[in-house]
Amino acid sequence: ETTIKFAPANLGYARGVDPPPCDAGTDQDSRWRLQYDVYQYFLPENDLTEEMLLKHLQRMVSVPQVKANALKVVTLTANDKTSVSFSSLPGQGVIYNVIVWDPFLNTSAAYVPAHTYACSFEAGEGSCASLAVLYLLLCLSTSSPSFITGLF
């Protein structure tokens, strides 16, 4: 299971002006009017390289990119907890991002994306490396049944 937690945003304001207070009230002139869209983007399977991750992270940085490339999985309001949990498949890379939207001003901003492979890059059983070996064996077994029997 993967849990995404993020801090609530504050209202935007013009340069040179004092920022609005964070929690002065819960009316429409406060941060309580903001909505949060959580997006999910699946990385290509079986490629755990930094190059692949960085290439795809670039697709999840700005609001238009996130909306064009990822799947919106949930919308939260200020009344909801800023925490969402997802089922995870070890070894499957996923990038998550949140877009905060102000319906009054019709403005939005993207949070910094977060990613996971739901496995550890440390050596050992259940690590990302051992999952890659298992995947290779499964691929070879489906293409050549005699390969697996030859191993035992």
N, C-alpha and C. Protein backbone atom coordinates (compact mmCIF):
# COMPACT_ATOMS: atom_id res chain seq x y z
N GLU A 1 0.85 -1.18 0.00
CA GLU A 1 0.00 0.00 0.00
C GLU A 1 0.89 1.24 0.00
N THR A 2 0.50 2.21 -0.80
CA THR A 2 1.20 3.49 -0.87
C THR A 2 0.24 4.58 -0.39
N THR A 3 0.72 5.44 0.49
CA THR A 3 -0.08 6.55 0.99
C THR A 3 0.57 7.87 0.60
N ILE A 4 -0.20 8.72 -0.04
CA ILE A 4 0.25 10.05 -0.42
C ILE A 4 -0.31 11.03 0.60
N LYS A 5 0.57 11.80 1.23
CA LYS A 5 0.16 12.83 2.18
C LYS A 5 0.75 14.16 1.70
N PHE A 6 -0.04 15.21 1.79
CA PHE A 6 0.46 16.52 1.37
C PHE A 6 -0.13 17.60 2.27
N ALA A 7 0.58 18.70 2.36
CA ALA A 7 0.13 19.83 3.18
C ALA A 7 -0.91 20.63 2.41
N PRO A 8 -1.93 21.14 3.09
CA PRO A 8 -2.90 22.00 2.42
C PRO A 8 -2.23 23.28 1.90
N ALA A 9 -2.72 23.77 0.79
CA ALA A 9 -2.18 25.00 0.21
C ALA A 9 -2.85 26.22 0.85
N ASN A 10 -2.24 27.37 0.64
CA ASN A 10 -2.84 28.63 1.05
C ASN A 10 -3.31 29.34 -0.22
N LEU A 11 -4.09 30.37 -0.08
CA LEU A 11 -4.54 31.15 -1.23
C LEU A 11 -3.37 31.88 -1.85
N GLY A 12 -3.43 32.04 -3.16
CA GLY A 12 -2.43 32.84 -3.84
C GLY A 12 -2.65 34.32 -3.57
N TYR A 13 -1.61 35.10 -3.81
CA TYR A 13 -1.73 36.55 -3.61
C TYR A 13 -0.71 37.25 -4.50
N ALA A 14 -0.94 38.52 -4.77
CA ALA A 14 -0.09 39.30 -5.66
C ALA A 14 1.24 39.63 -4.99
N ARG A 15 2.25 39.85 -5.80
CA ARG A 15 3.56 40.25 -5.28
C ARG A 15 3.45 41.61 -4.61
N GLY A 16 4.21 41.76 -3.54
CA GLY A 16 4.23 43.03 -2.84
C GLY A 16 3.08 43.22 -1.88
N VAL A 17 2.22 42.24 -1.77
CA VAL A 17 1.07 42.30 -0.87
C VAL A 17 1.29 41.28 0.24
N ASP A 18 0.83 41.62 1.44
CA ASP A 18 0.95 40.67 2.54
C ASP A 18 0.12 39.42 2.25
N PRO A 19 0.65 38.24 2.56
CA PRO A 19 -0.12 37.02 2.32
C PRO A 19 -1.34 36.95 3.23
N PRO A 20 -2.38 36.30 2.76
CA PRO A 20 -3.57 36.16 3.61
C PRO A 20 -3.26 35.23 4.79
N PRO A 21 -3.96 35.39 5.89
CA PRO A 21 -3.74 34.49 7.03
C PRO A 21 -4.14 33.06 6.66
N CYS A 22 -3.44 32.10 7.21
CA CYS A 22 -3.68 30.69 6.86
C CYS A 22 -5.02 30.16 7.34
N ASP A 23 -5.33 30.31 8.58
CA ASP A 23 -6.53 29.70 9.13
C ASP A 23 -7.37 30.71 9.91
N ALA A 24 -7.68 31.84 9.28
CA ALA A 24 -8.45 32.88 9.95
C ALA A 24 -9.95 32.59 9.91
N GLY A 25 -10.36 31.69 9.03
CA GLY A 25 -11.78 31.36 8.92
C GLY A 25 -11.98 30.22 7.94
N THR A 26 -13.23 29.82 7.76
CA THR A 26 -13.54 28.73 6.84
C THR A 26 -14.50 29.16 5.75
N ASP A 27 -14.60 30.46 5.51
CA ASP A 27 -15.51 30.96 4.49
C ASP A 27 -14.85 30.90 3.12
N GLN A 28 -15.53 31.43 2.10
CA GLN A 28 -15.03 31.41 0.74
C GLN A 28 -13.86 32.36 0.49
N ASP A 29 -13.51 33.17 1.47
CA ASP A 29 -12.34 34.04 1.35
C ASP A 29 -11.12 33.42 2.02
N SER A 30 -11.17 32.13 2.27
CA SER A 30 -10.07 31.45 2.94
C SER A 30 -9.62 30.24 2.10
N ARG A 31 -8.58 29.59 2.56
CA ARG A 31 -8.04 28.43 1.84
C ARG A 31 -9.03 27.27 1.79
N TRP A 32 -10.12 27.35 2.54
CA TRP A 32 -11.09 26.26 2.58
C TRP A 32 -11.86 26.11 1.27
N ARG A 33 -11.74 27.06 0.37
CA ARG A 33 -12.41 26.94 -0.92
C ARG A 33 -11.59 26.11 -1.92
N LEU A 34 -10.35 25.81 -1.60
CA LEU A 34 -9.46 25.11 -2.52
C LEU A 34 -9.84 23.64 -2.68
N GLN A 35 -9.59 23.12 -3.88
CA GLN A 35 -9.81 21.71 -4.17
C GLN A 35 -8.49 21.09 -4.62
N TYR A 36 -8.35 19.79 -4.37
CA TYR A 36 -7.11 19.08 -4.67
C TYR A 36 -7.41 17.86 -5.54
N ASP A 37 -6.83 17.84 -6.72
CA ASP A 37 -6.96 16.68 -7.61
C ASP A 37 -5.69 15.85 -7.51
N VAL A 38 -5.83 14.57 -7.20
CA VAL A 38 -4.69 13.67 -7.08
C VAL A 38 -4.59 12.87 -8.37
N TYR A 39 -3.39 12.86 -8.96
CA TYR A 39 -3.13 12.19 -10.24
C TYR A 39 -2.14 11.06 -10.08
N GLN A 40 -2.29 10.05 -10.94
CA GLN A 40 -1.45 8.86 -10.91
C GLN A 40 -0.92 8.61 -12.33
N TYR A 41 0.38 8.32 -12.43
CA TYR A 41 1.02 8.07 -13.72
C TYR A 41 1.89 6.82 -13.59
N PHE A 42 1.61 5.81 -14.38
CA PHE A 42 2.38 4.56 -14.30
C PHE A 42 3.60 4.63 -15.19
N LEU A 43 4.74 4.24 -14.63
CA LEU A 43 5.99 4.18 -15.38
C LEU A 43 6.02 2.90 -16.21
N PRO A 44 6.82 2.88 -17.28
CA PRO A 44 6.95 1.63 -18.05
C PRO A 44 7.44 0.49 -17.14
N GLU A 45 6.91 -0.68 -17.36
CA GLU A 45 7.26 -1.83 -16.50
C GLU A 45 8.68 -2.30 -16.76
N ASN A 46 9.31 -2.80 -15.71
CA ASN A 46 10.60 -3.48 -15.74
C ASN A 46 11.76 -2.61 -16.19
N ASP A 47 11.65 -1.32 -16.02
CA ASP A 47 12.77 -0.41 -16.26
C ASP A 47 12.89 0.48 -15.04
N LEU A 48 13.82 0.13 -14.16
CA LEU A 48 13.99 0.86 -12.91
C LEU A 48 15.16 1.83 -12.97
N THR A 49 15.57 2.22 -14.18
CA THR A 49 16.72 3.10 -14.32
C THR A 49 16.37 4.54 -13.94
N GLU A 50 17.39 5.26 -13.49
CA GLU A 50 17.20 6.67 -13.16
C GLU A 50 16.81 7.46 -14.39
N GLU A 51 17.39 7.11 -15.54
CA GLU A 51 17.09 7.83 -16.78
C GLU A 51 15.61 7.75 -17.12
N MET A 52 15.04 6.55 -16.97
CA MET A 52 13.61 6.39 -17.27
C MET A 52 12.77 7.18 -16.28
N LEU A 53 13.11 7.12 -15.01
CA LEU A 53 12.36 7.87 -14.00
C LEU A 53 12.41 9.36 -14.29
N LEU A 54 13.60 9.91 -14.53
CA LEU A 54 13.73 11.35 -14.77
C LEU A 54 13.00 11.78 -16.04
N LYS A 55 13.05 10.95 -17.07
CA LYS A 55 12.33 11.25 -18.32
C LYS A 55 10.84 11.41 -18.05
N HIS A 56 10.29 10.50 -17.26
CA HIS A 56 8.86 10.52 -17.01
C HIS A 56 8.47 11.53 -15.93
N LEU A 57 9.35 11.81 -14.99
CA LEU A 57 9.07 12.86 -14.00
C LEU A 57 8.85 14.20 -14.68
N GLN A 58 9.57 14.44 -15.79
CA GLN A 58 9.41 15.70 -16.53
C GLN A 58 8.00 15.86 -17.08
N ARG A 59 7.29 14.77 -17.22
CA ARG A 59 5.91 14.82 -17.73
C ARG A 59 4.90 15.10 -16.62
N MET A 60 5.38 15.25 -15.40
CA MET A 60 4.49 15.39 -14.24
C MET A 60 4.81 16.62 -13.41
N VAL A 61 5.35 17.66 -14.03
CA VAL A 61 5.81 18.83 -13.28
C VAL A 61 4.81 19.98 -13.30
N SER A 62 4.29 20.32 -14.46
CA SER A 62 3.39 21.47 -14.56
C SER A 62 1.94 21.01 -14.67
N VAL A 63 1.02 21.92 -14.40
CA VAL A 63 -0.41 21.59 -14.44
C VAL A 63 -0.82 21.01 -15.80
N PRO A 64 -0.49 21.67 -16.93
CA PRO A 64 -0.91 21.10 -18.22
C PRO A 64 -0.32 19.71 -18.48
N GLN A 65 0.94 19.50 -18.07
CA GLN A 65 1.57 18.19 -18.28
C GLN A 65 0.88 17.10 -17.46
N VAL A 66 0.61 17.40 -16.21
CA VAL A 66 -0.04 16.42 -15.34
C VAL A 66 -1.41 16.06 -15.91
N LYS A 67 -2.19 17.05 -16.29
CA LYS A 67 -3.53 16.80 -16.82
C LYS A 67 -3.49 16.01 -18.13
N ALA A 68 -2.45 16.25 -18.95
CA ALA A 68 -2.33 15.57 -20.24
C ALA A 68 -1.82 14.14 -20.11
N ASN A 69 -0.99 13.86 -19.12
CA ASN A 69 -0.30 12.57 -19.06
C ASN A 69 -0.80 11.60 -18.00
N ALA A 70 -1.46 12.09 -16.98
CA ALA A 70 -1.80 11.23 -15.84
C ALA A 70 -3.31 11.03 -15.72
N LEU A 71 -3.65 10.12 -14.86
CA LEU A 71 -5.05 9.80 -14.60
C LEU A 71 -5.47 10.44 -13.28
N LYS A 72 -6.54 11.25 -13.32
CA LYS A 72 -7.06 11.82 -12.07
C LYS A 72 -7.80 10.72 -11.33
N VAL A 73 -7.36 10.46 -10.08
CA VAL A 73 -7.95 9.36 -9.33
C VAL A 73 -8.91 9.81 -8.24
N VAL A 74 -8.76 11.03 -7.74
CA VAL A 74 -9.66 11.51 -6.70
C VAL A 74 -9.58 13.03 -6.61
N THR A 75 -10.68 13.65 -6.22
CA THR A 75 -10.71 15.08 -5.91
C THR A 75 -11.05 15.23 -4.44
N LEU A 76 -10.25 16.02 -3.75
CA LEU A 76 -10.46 16.27 -2.32
C LEU A 76 -10.81 17.74 -2.11
N THR A 77 -11.64 18.01 -1.12
CA THR A 77 -11.92 19.38 -0.73
C THR A 77 -11.17 19.67 0.57
N ALA A 78 -11.24 20.89 1.02
CA ALA A 78 -10.55 21.26 2.26
C ALA A 78 -11.14 20.53 3.47
N ASN A 79 -12.33 20.00 3.33
CA ASN A 79 -12.94 19.23 4.43
C ASN A 79 -12.38 17.82 4.54
N ASP A 80 -11.70 17.34 3.48
CA ASP A 80 -11.14 16.00 3.48
C ASP A 80 -9.72 16.01 4.04
N LYS A 81 -9.27 14.85 4.50
CA LYS A 81 -7.88 14.71 4.90
C LYS A 81 -7.01 14.78 3.65
N THR A 82 -5.85 15.39 3.76
CA THR A 82 -4.93 15.47 2.63
C THR A 82 -4.03 14.23 2.64
N SER A 83 -4.68 13.09 2.52
CA SER A 83 -4.01 11.80 2.54
C SER A 83 -4.84 10.82 1.72
N VAL A 84 -4.19 10.10 0.81
CA VAL A 84 -4.87 9.13 -0.04
C VAL A 84 -4.02 7.86 -0.10
N SER A 85 -4.65 6.70 0.01
CA SER A 85 -3.93 5.43 -0.05
C SER A 85 -4.30 4.67 -1.32
N PHE A 86 -3.30 3.97 -1.87
CA PHE A 86 -3.48 3.19 -3.09
C PHE A 86 -2.90 1.79 -2.89
N SER A 87 -3.46 0.82 -3.58
CA SER A 87 -2.84 -0.50 -3.62
C SER A 87 -1.58 -0.39 -4.47
N SER A 88 -0.55 -1.13 -4.10
CA SER A 88 0.72 -1.06 -4.82
C SER A 88 1.15 -2.44 -5.26
N LEU A 89 1.78 -2.49 -6.41
CA LEU A 89 2.37 -3.72 -6.93
C LEU A 89 3.89 -3.56 -6.88
N PRO A 90 4.57 -4.34 -6.05
CA PRO A 90 6.03 -4.18 -5.93
C PRO A 90 6.73 -4.25 -7.28
N GLY A 91 7.58 -3.27 -7.54
CA GLY A 91 8.32 -3.19 -8.78
C GLY A 91 7.66 -2.33 -9.85
N GLN A 92 6.40 -1.99 -9.69
CA GLN A 92 5.70 -1.15 -10.66
C GLN A 92 5.88 0.31 -10.26
N GLY A 93 6.58 1.06 -11.08
CA GLY A 93 6.82 2.46 -10.80
C GLY A 93 5.57 3.30 -11.02
N VAL A 94 5.32 4.20 -10.09
CA VAL A 94 4.17 5.10 -10.19
C VAL A 94 4.61 6.49 -9.74
N ILE A 95 4.19 7.50 -10.47
CA ILE A 95 4.41 8.89 -10.08
C ILE A 95 3.06 9.47 -9.68
N TYR A 96 3.04 10.16 -8.56
CA TYR A 96 1.83 10.83 -8.08
C TYR A 96 2.07 12.33 -8.05
N ASN A 97 1.01 13.08 -8.32
CA ASN A 97 1.08 14.52 -8.15
C ASN A 97 -0.30 15.04 -7.76
N VAL A 98 -0.28 16.21 -7.16
CA VAL A 98 -1.50 16.87 -6.71
C VAL A 98 -1.58 18.23 -7.40
N ILE A 99 -2.75 18.55 -7.90
CA ILE A 99 -3.00 19.89 -8.45
C ILE A 99 -4.01 20.56 -7.53
N VAL A 100 -3.63 21.71 -7.01
CA VAL A 100 -4.55 22.48 -6.17
C VAL A 100 -5.24 23.50 -7.08
N TRP A 101 -6.56 23.63 -6.92
CA TRP A 101 -7.35 24.50 -7.78
C TRP A 101 -8.18 25.44 -6.93
N ASP A 102 -8.14 26.71 -7.31
CA ASP A 102 -8.96 27.74 -6.66
C ASP A 102 -10.15 28.02 -7.58
N PRO A 103 -11.35 27.53 -7.25
CA PRO A 103 -12.50 27.72 -8.13
C PRO A 103 -12.96 29.17 -8.23
N PHE A 104 -12.64 29.99 -7.24
CA PHE A 104 -13.05 31.40 -7.26
C PHE A 104 -12.22 32.18 -8.28
N LEU A 105 -10.90 31.98 -8.27
CA LEU A 105 -10.00 32.67 -9.21
C LEU A 105 -9.71 31.86 -10.47
N ASN A 106 -10.15 30.61 -10.50
CA ASN A 106 -9.86 29.68 -11.59
C ASN A 106 -8.36 29.59 -11.87
N THR A 107 -7.58 29.44 -10.81
CA THR A 107 -6.13 29.26 -10.93
C THR A 107 -5.76 27.91 -10.32
N SER A 108 -4.63 27.39 -10.74
CA SER A 108 -4.18 26.11 -10.20
C SER A 108 -2.66 26.05 -10.19
N ALA A 109 -2.15 25.14 -9.39
CA ALA A 109 -0.71 24.93 -9.29
C ALA A 109 -0.46 23.46 -8.99
N ALA A 110 0.67 22.96 -9.47
CA ALA A 110 1.04 21.57 -9.22
C ALA A 110 2.00 21.49 -8.05
N TYR A 111 1.82 20.49 -7.24
CA TYR A 111 2.77 20.17 -6.19
C TYR A 111 4.00 19.53 -6.83
N VAL A 112 5.02 19.25 -6.05
CA VAL A 112 6.19 18.51 -6.53
C VAL A 112 5.79 17.04 -6.63
N PRO A 113 6.07 16.38 -7.76
CA PRO A 113 5.66 14.98 -7.88
C PRO A 113 6.42 14.06 -6.93
N ALA A 114 5.79 12.95 -6.59
CA ALA A 114 6.41 11.91 -5.75
C ALA A 114 6.31 10.59 -6.51
N HIS A 115 7.28 9.72 -6.31
CA HIS A 115 7.25 8.44 -7.01
C HIS A 115 7.57 7.29 -6.06
N THR A 116 7.17 6.10 -6.48
CA THR A 116 7.47 4.89 -5.71
C THR A 116 7.54 3.70 -6.66
N TYR A 117 8.32 2.71 -6.26
CA TYR A 117 8.32 1.41 -6.93
C TYR A 117 7.75 0.34 -5.99
N ALA A 118 7.36 0.74 -4.79
CA ALA A 118 6.79 -0.17 -3.78
C ALA A 118 7.72 -1.34 -3.47
N CYS A 119 9.02 -1.09 -3.58
CA CYS A 119 10.02 -2.09 -3.21
C CYS A 119 11.30 -1.34 -2.84
N SER A 120 12.22 -2.06 -2.23
CA SER A 120 13.47 -1.44 -1.77
C SER A 120 14.57 -1.65 -2.80
N PHE A 121 15.43 -0.66 -2.96
CA PHE A 121 16.58 -0.80 -3.85
C PHE A 121 17.78 -1.40 -3.11
N GLU A 122 17.61 -1.70 -1.83
CA GLU A 122 18.65 -2.40 -1.06
C GLU A 122 18.64 -3.87 -1.48
N ALA A 123 19.81 -4.51 -1.40
CA ALA A 123 19.91 -5.92 -1.77
C ALA A 123 19.10 -6.77 -0.78
N GLY A 124 18.57 -7.87 -1.27
CA GLY A 124 17.85 -8.78 -0.39
C GLY A 124 16.58 -9.29 -1.02
N GLU A 125 15.99 -10.26 -0.34
CA GLU A 125 14.75 -10.85 -0.82
C GLU A 125 13.63 -9.81 -0.79
N GLY A 126 12.85 -9.76 -1.86
CA GLY A 126 11.77 -8.79 -1.95
C GLY A 126 12.22 -7.42 -2.43
N SER A 127 13.51 -7.30 -2.75
CA SER A 127 14.00 -6.01 -3.24
C SER A 127 13.61 -5.83 -4.70
N CYS A 128 13.78 -4.63 -5.21
CA CYS A 128 13.48 -4.37 -6.62
C CYS A 128 14.33 -5.26 -7.53
N ALA A 129 15.59 -5.49 -7.15
CA ALA A 129 16.49 -6.31 -7.96
C ALA A 129 15.99 -7.76 -8.02
N SER A 130 15.55 -8.32 -6.89
CA SER A 130 15.07 -9.70 -6.90
C SER A 130 13.77 -9.82 -7.70
N LEU A 131 12.96 -8.77 -7.70
CA LEU A 131 11.74 -8.78 -8.51
C LEU A 131 12.07 -8.80 -9.99
N ALA A 132 13.14 -8.08 -10.39
CA ALA A 132 13.56 -8.06 -11.79
C ALA A 132 14.02 -9.44 -12.23
N VAL A 133 14.75 -10.16 -11.37
CA VAL A 133 15.19 -11.51 -11.69
C VAL A 133 13.99 -12.44 -11.83
N LEU A 134 13.04 -12.34 -10.92
CA LEU A 134 11.83 -13.16 -10.99
C LEU A 134 11.08 -12.89 -12.28
N TYR A 135 10.96 -11.62 -12.67
CA TYR A 135 10.27 -11.27 -13.91
C TYR A 135 10.99 -11.90 -15.10
N LEU A 136 12.33 -11.84 -15.10
CA LEU A 136 13.11 -12.41 -16.19
C LEU A 136 12.85 -13.91 -16.28
N LEU A 137 12.85 -14.60 -15.13
CA LEU A 137 12.57 -16.04 -15.13
C LEU A 137 11.17 -16.34 -15.65
N LEU A 138 10.20 -15.53 -15.26
CA LEU A 138 8.84 -15.75 -15.74
C LEU A 138 8.73 -15.54 -17.24
N CYS A 139 9.43 -14.53 -17.74
CA CYS A 139 9.41 -14.26 -19.19
C CYS A 139 10.05 -15.41 -19.95
N LEU A 140 11.18 -15.88 -19.43
CA LEU A 140 11.86 -16.99 -20.09
C LEU A 140 11.03 -18.26 -20.03
N SER A 141 10.34 -18.46 -18.93
CA SER A 141 9.55 -19.69 -18.79
C SER A 141 8.37 -19.71 -19.75
N THR A 142 7.80 -18.57 -20.03
CA THR A 142 6.66 -18.54 -20.95
C THR A 142 7.12 -18.67 -22.40
N SER A 143 8.34 -18.25 -22.70
CA SER A 143 8.82 -18.35 -24.08
C SER A 143 9.55 -19.66 -24.32
N SER A 144 10.09 -20.27 -23.27
CA SER A 144 10.84 -21.51 -23.42
C SER A 144 10.64 -22.40 -22.19
N PRO A 145 9.63 -23.26 -22.21
CA PRO A 145 9.34 -24.10 -21.04
C PRO A 145 10.52 -24.99 -20.63
N SER A 146 11.35 -25.38 -21.58
CA SER A 146 12.47 -26.25 -21.24
C SER A 146 13.54 -25.52 -20.43
N PHE A 147 13.56 -24.18 -20.49
CA PHE A 147 14.56 -23.42 -19.74
C PHE A 147 14.38 -23.61 -18.23
N ILE A 148 13.16 -23.52 -17.75
CA ILE A 148 12.90 -23.64 -16.31
C ILE A 148 13.20 -25.06 -15.84
N THR A 149 12.79 -26.06 -16.59
CA THR A 149 13.06 -27.43 -16.16
C THR A 149 14.56 -27.71 -16.16
N GLY A 150 15.29 -27.04 -17.02
CA GLY A 150 16.74 -27.21 -17.05
C GLY A 150 17.42 -26.59 -15.84
N LEU A 151 16.77 -25.66 -15.16
CA LEU A 151 17.35 -25.03 -13.98
C LEU A 151 17.28 -25.94 -12.77
N PHE A 152 16.33 -26.88 -12.75
CA PHE A 152 16.11 -27.69 -11.55
C PHE A 152 16.59 -29.10 -11.73
